[in-house]
PDB file of N, CA and C in Angstrom:
ATOM      1  N   MET A   1      -5.638  11.969   8.958  1.00  0.00           N
ATOM      2  CA  MET A   1      -6.011  12.275   7.603  1.00  0.00           C
ATOM      3  C   MET A   1      -7.521  12.228   7.415  1.00  0.00           C
ATOM      4  N   VAL A   2      -8.198  11.335   8.094  1.00  0.00           N
ATOM      5  CA  VAL A   2      -9.640  11.209   7.914  1.00  0.00           C
ATOM      6  C   VAL A   2     -10.422  11.731   9.117  1.00  0.00           C
ATOM      7  N   LYS A   3      -9.741  12.330  10.066  1.00  0.00           N
ATOM      8  CA  LYS A   3     -10.371  12.740  11.321  1.00  0.00           C
ATOM      9  C   LYS A   3     -11.589  13.637  11.108  1.00  0.00           C
ATOM     10  N   HIS A   4     -11.505  14.579  10.188  1.00  0.00           N
ATOM     11  CA  HIS A   4     -12.604  15.516   9.977  1.00  0.00           C
ATOM     12  C   HIS A   4     -13.338  15.277   8.653  1.00  0.00           C
ATOM     13  N   ALA A   5     -13.128  14.136   8.053  1.00  0.00           N
ATOM     14  CA  ALA A   5     -13.764  13.826   6.765  1.00  0.00           C
ATOM     15  C   ALA A   5     -15.231  13.483   6.951  1.00  0.00           C
ATOM     16  N   LYS A   6     -16.055  13.869   5.981  1.00  0.00           N
ATOM     17  CA  LYS A   6     -17.460  13.438   5.990  1.00  0.00           C
ATOM     18  C   LYS A   6     -17.567  11.978   5.604  1.00  0.00           C
ATOM     19  N   GLY A   7     -16.658  11.533   4.783  1.00  0.00           N
ATOM     20  CA  GLY A   7     -16.669  10.154   4.330  1.00  0.00           C
ATOM     21  C   GLY A   7     -15.309   9.756   3.823  1.00  0.00           C
ATOM     22  N   VAL A   8     -15.085   8.455   3.745  1.00  0.00           N
ATOM     23  CA  VAL A   8     -13.840   7.911   3.239  1.00  0.00           C
ATOM     24  C   VAL A   8     -14.192   6.789   2.274  1.00  0.00           C
ATOM     25  N   ILE A   9     -13.572   6.830   1.110  1.00  0.00           N
ATOM     26  CA  ILE A   9     -13.805   5.782   0.122  1.00  0.00           C
ATOM     27  C   ILE A   9     -12.555   4.918   0.075  1.00  0.00           C
ATOM     28  N   THR A  10     -12.726   3.628   0.330  1.00  0.00           N
ATOM     29  CA  THR A  10     -11.601   2.696   0.319  1.00  0.00           C
ATOM     30  C   THR A  10     -12.005   1.435  -0.415  1.00  0.00           C
ATOM     31  N   ASP A  11     -11.018   0.595  -0.706  1.00  0.00           N
ATOM     32  CA  ASP A  11     -11.362  -0.717  -1.240  1.00  0.00           C
ATOM     33  C   ASP A  11     -11.654  -1.638  -0.057  1.00  0.00           C
ATOM     34  N   PRO A  12     -12.392  -2.716  -0.275  1.00  0.00           N
ATOM     35  CA  PRO A  12     -12.812  -3.584   0.835  1.00  0.00           C
ATOM     36  C   PRO A  12     -11.673  -4.232   1.609  1.00  0.00           C
ATOM     37  N   SER A  13     -10.486  -4.267   1.055  1.00  0.00           N
ATOM     38  CA  SER A  13      -9.389  -4.889   1.793  1.00  0.00           C
ATOM     39  C   SER A  13      -8.799  -3.945   2.831  1.00  0.00           C
ATOM     40  N   ASP A  14      -9.237  -2.687   2.816  1.00  0.00           N
ATOM     41  CA  ASP A  14      -8.722  -1.718   3.770  1.00  0.00           C
ATOM     42  C   ASP A  14      -9.236  -2.028   5.165  1.00  0.00           C
ATOM     43  N   ILE A  15      -8.494  -1.609   6.171  1.00  0.00           N
ATOM     44  CA  ILE A  15      -8.847  -1.885   7.576  1.00  0.00           C
ATOM     45  C   ILE A  15     -10.195  -1.274   7.965  1.00  0.00           C
ATOM     46  N   THR A  16     -10.666  -0.244   7.244  1.00  0.00           N
ATOM     47  CA  THR A  16     -11.927   0.400   7.628  1.00  0.00           C
ATOM     48  C   THR A  16     -13.144  -0.450   7.306  1.00  0.00           C
ATOM     49  N   ALA A  17     -12.984  -1.538   6.582  1.00  0.00           N
ATOM     50  CA  ALA A  17     -14.122  -2.373   6.213  1.00  0.00           C
ATOM     51  C   ALA A  17     -14.276  -3.576   7.147  1.00  0.00           C
ATOM     52  N   ARG A  18     -13.951  -3.404   8.390  1.00  0.00           N
ATOM     53  CA  ARG A  18     -14.074  -4.492   9.350  1.00  0.00           C
ATOM     54  C   ARG A  18     -15.554  -4.853   9.534  1.00  0.00           C
ATOM     55  N   PRO A  19     -15.884  -6.140   9.632  1.00  0.00           N
ATOM     56  CA  PRO A  19     -17.287  -6.548   9.749  1.00  0.00           C
ATOM     57  C   PRO A  19     -18.031  -5.876  10.905  1.00  0.00           C
ATOM     58  N   GLU A  20     -17.373  -5.715  12.057  1.00  0.00           N
ATOM     59  CA  GLU A  20     -18.077  -5.110  13.191  1.00  0.00           C
ATOM     60  C   GLU A  20     -18.456  -3.655  12.912  1.00  0.00           C
ATOM     61  N   THR A  21     -17.657  -2.941  12.131  1.00  0.00           N
ATOM     62  CA  THR A  21     -18.003  -1.547  11.837  1.00  0.00           C
ATOM     63  C   THR A  21     -19.156  -1.468  10.848  1.00  0.00           C
ATOM     64  N   VAL A  22     -19.265  -2.441   9.971  1.00  0.00           N
ATOM     65  CA  VAL A  22     -20.405  -2.488   9.055  1.00  0.00           C
ATOM     66  C   VAL A  22     -21.671  -2.826   9.838  1.00  0.00           C
ATOM     67  N   GLU A  23     -21.581  -3.786  10.760  1.00  0.00           N
ATOM     68  CA  GLU A  23     -22.736  -4.180  11.571  1.00  0.00           C
ATOM     69  C   GLU A  23     -23.249  -3.019  12.427  1.00  0.00           C
ATOM     70  N   LEU A  24     -22.334  -2.205  12.953  1.00  0.00           N
ATOM     71  CA  LEU A  24     -22.733  -1.087  13.816  1.00  0.00           C
ATOM     72  C   LEU A  24     -23.077   0.170  13.033  1.00  0.00           C
ATOM     73  N   GLY A  25     -22.843   0.153  11.724  1.00  0.00           N
ATOM     74  CA  GLY A  25     -23.245   1.279  10.889  1.00  0.00           C
ATOM     75  C   GLY A  25     -22.204   2.363  10.692  1.00  0.00           C
ATOM     76  N   THR A  26     -20.992   2.189  11.227  1.00  0.00           N
ATOM     77  CA  THR A  26     -19.971   3.219  11.033  1.00  0.00           C
ATOM     78  C   THR A  26     -19.313   3.113   9.669  1.00  0.00           C
ATOM     79  N   ASN A  27     -19.475   1.993   8.992  1.00  0.00           N
ATOM     80  CA  ASN A  27     -19.013   1.800   7.622  1.00  0.00           C
ATOM     81  C   ASN A  27     -20.129   1.186   6.808  1.00  0.00           C
ATOM     82  N   GLU A  28     -20.073   1.422   5.513  1.00  0.00           N
ATOM     83  CA  GLU A  28     -21.070   0.856   4.617  1.00  0.00           C
ATOM     84  C   GLU A  28     -20.362   0.298   3.403  1.00  0.00           C
ATOM     85  N   LEU A  29     -20.643  -0.946   3.076  1.00  0.00           N
ATOM     86  CA  LEU A  29     -20.084  -1.551   1.877  1.00  0.00           C
ATOM     87  C   LEU A  29     -21.070  -1.346   0.733  1.00  0.00           C
ATOM     88  N   LEU A  30     -20.566  -0.807  -0.369  1.00  0.00           N
ATOM     89  CA  LEU A  30     -21.435  -0.499  -1.503  1.00  0.00           C
ATOM     90  C   LEU A  30     -21.364  -1.538  -2.602  1.00  0.00           C
ATOM     91  N   GLY A  31     -20.474  -2.478  -2.501  1.00  0.00           N
ATOM     92  CA  GLY A  31     -20.338  -3.487  -3.537  1.00  0.00           C
ATOM     93  C   GLY A  31     -19.345  -3.065  -4.601  1.00  0.00           C
ATOM     94  N   THR A  32     -19.374  -3.752  -5.723  1.00  0.00           N
ATOM     95  CA  THR A  32     -18.385  -3.507  -6.773  1.00  0.00           C
ATOM     96  C   THR A  32     -18.916  -2.663  -7.920  1.00  0.00           C
ATOM     97  N   ASP A  33     -20.170  -2.303  -7.888  1.00  0.00           N
ATOM     98  CA  ASP A  33     -20.750  -1.500  -8.963  1.00  0.00           C
ATOM     99  C   ASP A  33     -20.490  -0.015  -8.702  1.00  0.00           C
ATOM    100  N   PRO A  34     -19.685   0.644  -9.542  1.00  0.00           N
ATOM    101  CA  PRO A  34     -19.387   2.065  -9.333  1.00  0.00           C
ATOM    102  C   PRO A  34     -20.627   2.958  -9.329  1.00  0.00           C
ATOM    103  N   ALA A  35     -21.712   2.500  -9.904  1.00  0.00           N
ATOM    104  CA  ALA A  35     -22.946   3.291  -9.935  1.00  0.00           C
ATOM    105  C   ALA A  35     -23.522   3.502  -8.539  1.00  0.00           C
ATOM    106  N   HIS A  36     -23.143   2.674  -7.572  1.00  0.00           N
ATOM    107  CA  HIS A  36     -23.646   2.820  -6.204  1.00  0.00           C
ATOM    108  C   HIS A  36     -22.976   3.957  -5.446  1.00  0.00           C
ATOM    109  N   LEU A  37     -21.815   4.386  -5.900  1.00  0.00           N
ATOM    110  CA  LEU A  37     -21.062   5.406  -5.187  1.00  0.00           C
ATOM    111  C   LEU A  37     -21.745   6.770  -5.218  1.00  0.00           C
ATOM    112  N   GLY A  38     -22.199   7.200  -6.380  1.00  0.00           N
ATOM    113  CA  GLY A  38     -22.840   8.518  -6.510  1.00  0.00           C
ATOM    114  C   GLY A  38     -24.012   8.715  -5.565  1.00  0.00           C
ATOM    115  N   PRO A  39     -24.997   7.820  -5.571  1.00  0.00           N
ATOM    116  CA  PRO A  39     -26.132   7.971  -4.659  1.00  0.00           C
ATOM    117  C   PRO A  39     -25.731   7.952  -3.183  1.00  0.00           C
ATOM    118  N   ALA A  40     -24.729   7.140  -2.831  1.00  0.00           N
ATOM    119  CA  ALA A  40     -24.284   7.083  -1.441  1.00  0.00           C
ATOM    120  C   ALA A  40     -23.651   8.411  -1.025  1.00  0.00           C
ATOM    121  N   VAL A  41     -22.842   8.995  -1.895  1.00  0.00           N
ATOM    122  CA  VAL A  41     -22.216  10.288  -1.601  1.00  0.00           C
ATOM    123  C   VAL A  41     -23.278  11.380  -1.540  1.00  0.00           C
ATOM    124  N   ASP A  42     -24.256  11.337  -2.429  1.00  0.00           N
ATOM    125  CA  ASP A  42     -25.354  12.316  -2.405  1.00  0.00           C
ATOM    126  C   ASP A  42     -26.082  12.270  -1.068  1.00  0.00           C
ATOM    127  N   CYS A  43     -26.387  11.082  -0.582  1.00  0.00           N
ATOM    128  CA  CYS A  43     -27.067  10.942   0.715  1.00  0.00           C
ATOM    129  C   CYS A  43     -26.207  11.500   1.841  1.00  0.00           C
ATOM    130  N   LEU A  44     -24.921  11.208   1.799  1.00  0.00           N
ATOM    131  CA  LEU A  44     -24.007  11.679   2.832  1.00  0.00           C
ATOM    132  C   LEU A  44     -23.982  13.203   2.898  1.00  0.00           C
ATOM    133  N   PHE A  45     -23.845  13.847   1.742  1.00  0.00           N
ATOM    134  CA  PHE A  45     -23.769  15.302   1.731  1.00  0.00           C
ATOM    135  C   PHE A  45     -25.126  15.968   1.948  1.00  0.00           C
ATOM    136  N   ALA A  46     -26.206  15.212   1.802  1.00  0.00           N
ATOM    137  CA  ALA A  46     -27.539  15.735   2.088  1.00  0.00           C
ATOM    138  C   ALA A  46     -27.877  15.582   3.572  1.00  0.00           C
ATOM    139  N   GLY A  47     -26.940  15.025   4.335  1.00  0.00           N
ATOM    140  CA  GLY A  47     -27.169  14.851   5.770  1.00  0.00           C
ATOM    141  C   GLY A  47     -27.969  13.616   6.115  1.00  0.00           C
ATOM    142  N   GLN A  48     -28.159  12.729   5.166  1.00  0.00           N
ATOM    143  CA  GLN A  48     -28.931  11.501   5.398  1.00  0.00           C
ATOM    144  C   GLN A  48     -27.983  10.383   5.820  1.00  0.00           C
ATOM    145  N   ARG A  49     -27.384  10.567   6.986  1.00  0.00           N
ATOM    146  CA  ARG A  49     -26.427   9.597   7.492  1.00  0.00           C
ATOM    147  C   ARG A  49     -27.136   8.508   8.268  1.00  0.00           C
ATOM    148  N   LYS A  50     -26.547   7.337   8.261  1.00  0.00           N
ATOM    149  CA  LYS A  50     -27.100   6.220   9.016  1.00  0.00           C
ATOM    150  C   LYS A  50     -26.853   6.430  10.505  1.00  0.00           C
ATOM    151  N   GLN A  51     -27.748   5.911  11.321  1.00  0.00           N
ATOM    152  CA  GLN A  51     -27.517   5.892  12.761  1.00  0.00           C
ATOM    153  C   GLN A  51     -26.429   4.869  13.031  1.00  0.00           C
ATOM    154  N   CYS A  52     -25.491   5.221  13.871  1.00  0.00           N
ATOM    155  CA  CYS A  52     -24.411   4.285  14.138  1.00  0.00           C
ATOM    156  C   CYS A  52     -23.853   4.505  15.539  1.00  0.00           C
ATOM    157  N   SER A  53     -23.014   3.571  15.946  1.00  0.00           N
ATOM    158  CA  SER A  53     -22.325   3.702  17.218  1.00  0.00           C
ATOM    159  C   SER A  53     -20.920   3.128  17.061  1.00  0.00           C
ATOM    160  N   ALA A  54     -20.004   3.604  17.856  1.00  0.00           N
ATOM    161  CA  ALA A  54     -18.633   3.098  17.810  1.00  0.00           C
ATOM    162  C   ALA A  54     -18.585   1.686  18.375  1.00  0.00           C
ATOM    163  N   PRO A  55     -17.740   0.847  17.823  1.00  0.00           N
ATOM    164  CA  PRO A  55     -17.587  -0.497  18.384  1.00  0.00           C
ATOM    165  C   PRO A  55     -17.138  -0.423  19.846  1.00  0.00           C
ATOM    166  N   PRO A  56     -17.594  -1.368  20.666  1.00  0.00           N
ATOM    167  CA  PRO A  56     -17.192  -1.384  22.076  1.00  0.00           C
ATOM    168  C   PRO A  56     -15.668  -1.397  22.216  1.00  0.00           C
ATOM    169  N   LEU A  57     -15.173  -0.628  23.147  1.00  0.00           N
ATOM    170  CA  LEU A  57     -13.761  -0.524  23.497  1.00  0.00           C
ATOM    171  C   LEU A  57     -12.905   0.153  22.424  1.00  0.00           C
ATOM    172  N   TRP A  58     -13.522   0.736  21.390  1.00  0.00           N
ATOM    173  CA  TRP A  58     -12.751   1.467  20.378  1.00  0.00           C
ATOM    174  C   TRP A  58     -12.677   2.918  20.837  1.00  0.00           C
ATOM    175  N   ASP A  59     -11.765   3.168  21.720  1.00  0.00           N
ATOM    176  CA  ASP A  59     -11.599   4.513  22.248  1.00  0.00           C
ATOM    177  C   ASP A  59     -10.109   4.787  22.443  1.00  0.00           C
ATOM    178  N   ILE A  60      -9.779   5.892  23.035  1.00  0.00           N
ATOM    179  CA  ILE A  60      -8.369   6.233  23.199  1.00  0.00           C
ATOM    180  C   ILE A  60      -7.738   5.577  24.425  1.00  0.00           C
ATOM    181  N   GLN A  61      -8.444   4.668  25.065  1.00  0.00           N
ATOM    182  CA  GLN A  61      -7.946   4.006  26.273  1.00  0.00           C
ATOM    183  C   GLN A  61      -7.362   2.626  26.011  1.00  0.00           C
ATOM    184  N   THR A  62      -7.251   2.224  24.764  1.00  0.00           N
ATOM    185  CA  THR A  62      -6.770   0.877  24.452  1.00  0.00           C
ATOM    186  C   THR A  62      -5.389   0.618  25.024  1.00  0.00           C
ATOM    187  N   GLY A  63      -4.460   1.548  24.814  1.00  0.00           N
ATOM    188  CA  GLY A  63      -3.101   1.380  25.330  1.00  0.00           C
ATOM    189  C   GLY A  63      -3.077   1.203  26.833  1.00  0.00           C
ATOM    190  N   ALA A  64      -3.863   2.001  27.540  1.00  0.00           N
ATOM    191  CA  ALA A  64      -3.917   1.903  29.002  1.00  0.00           C
ATOM    192  C   ALA A  64      -4.473   0.547  29.437  1.00  0.00           C
ATOM    193  N   ARG A  65      -5.476   0.048  28.735  1.00  0.00           N
ATOM    194  CA  ARG A  65      -6.025  -1.267  29.080  1.00  0.00           C
ATOM    195  C   ARG A  65      -4.988  -2.368  28.855  1.00  0.00           C
ATOM    196  N   ILE A  66      -4.231  -2.262  27.781  1.00  0.00           N
ATOM    197  CA  ILE A  66      -3.204  -3.268  27.498  1.00  0.00           C
ATOM    198  C   ILE A  66      -2.134  -3.250  28.584  1.00  0.00           C
ATOM    199  N   VAL A  67      -1.668  -2.063  28.946  1.00  0.00           N
ATOM    200  CA  VAL A  67      -0.643  -1.950  29.987  1.00  0.00           C
ATOM    201  C   VAL A  67      -1.168  -2.512  31.307  1.00  0.00           C
ATOM    202  N   ALA A  68      -2.389  -2.179  31.669  1.00  0.00           N
ATOM    203  CA  ALA A  68      -2.962  -2.679  32.928  1.00  0.00           C
ATOM    204  C   ALA A  68      -3.050  -4.201  32.908  1.00  0.00           C
ATOM    205  N   HIS A  69      -3.445  -4.754  31.777  1.00  0.00           N
ATOM    206  CA  HIS A  69      -3.546  -6.210  31.670  1.00  0.00           C
ATOM    207  C   HIS A  69      -2.164  -6.854  31.793  1.00  0.00           C
ATOM    208  N   LEU A  70      -1.178  -6.292  31.120  1.00  0.00           N
ATOM    209  CA  LEU A  70       0.173  -6.819  31.214  1.00  0.00           C
ATOM    210  C   LEU A  70       0.724  -6.727  32.629  1.00  0.00           C
ATOM    211  N   GLU A  71       0.427  -5.628  33.308  1.00  0.00           N
ATOM    212  CA  GLU A  71       0.871  -5.488  34.702  1.00  0.00           C
ATOM    213  C   GLU A  71       0.265  -6.563  35.581  1.00  0.00           C
ATOM    214  N   ARG A  72      -1.024  -6.868  35.361  1.00  0.00           N
ATOM    215  CA  ARG A  72      -1.673  -7.916  36.150  1.00  0.00           C
ATOM    216  C   ARG A  72      -1.033  -9.280  35.850  1.00  0.00           C
ATOM    217  N   LEU A  73      -0.678  -9.530  34.592  1.00  0.00           N
ATOM    218  CA  LEU A  73      -0.071 -10.797  34.238  1.00  0.00           C
ATOM    219  C   LEU A  73       1.328 -10.949  34.819  1.00  0.00           C
ATOM    220  N   LEU A  74       2.047  -9.842  34.922  1.00  0.00           N
ATOM    221  CA  LEU A  74       3.445  -9.897  35.329  1.00  0.00           C
ATOM    222  C   LEU A  74       3.656  -9.687  36.837  1.00  0.00           C
ATOM    223  N   THR A  75       2.596  -9.467  37.594  1.00  0.00           N
ATOM    224  CA  THR A  75       2.774  -9.259  39.041  1.00  0.00           C
ATOM    225  C   THR A  75       2.220 -10.431  39.822  1.00  0.00           C
TER     226      THR A  75
END
């Protein structure tokens, strides 16, 4: 649903507001003041995105790593 989105607006209890993603810049917390949303969206659509990087090990290989670890534990 969000794969090709420029941005996603969620409440802070959503899984996308994980502290590590905020630290790495892939998410931004705007606080509780609705007035902060407009300027943030304006920056996003103007191409003024923050530099960011994906959290370590957040890739499509998680399942394979889990299986490999379980195999090592069980052999």
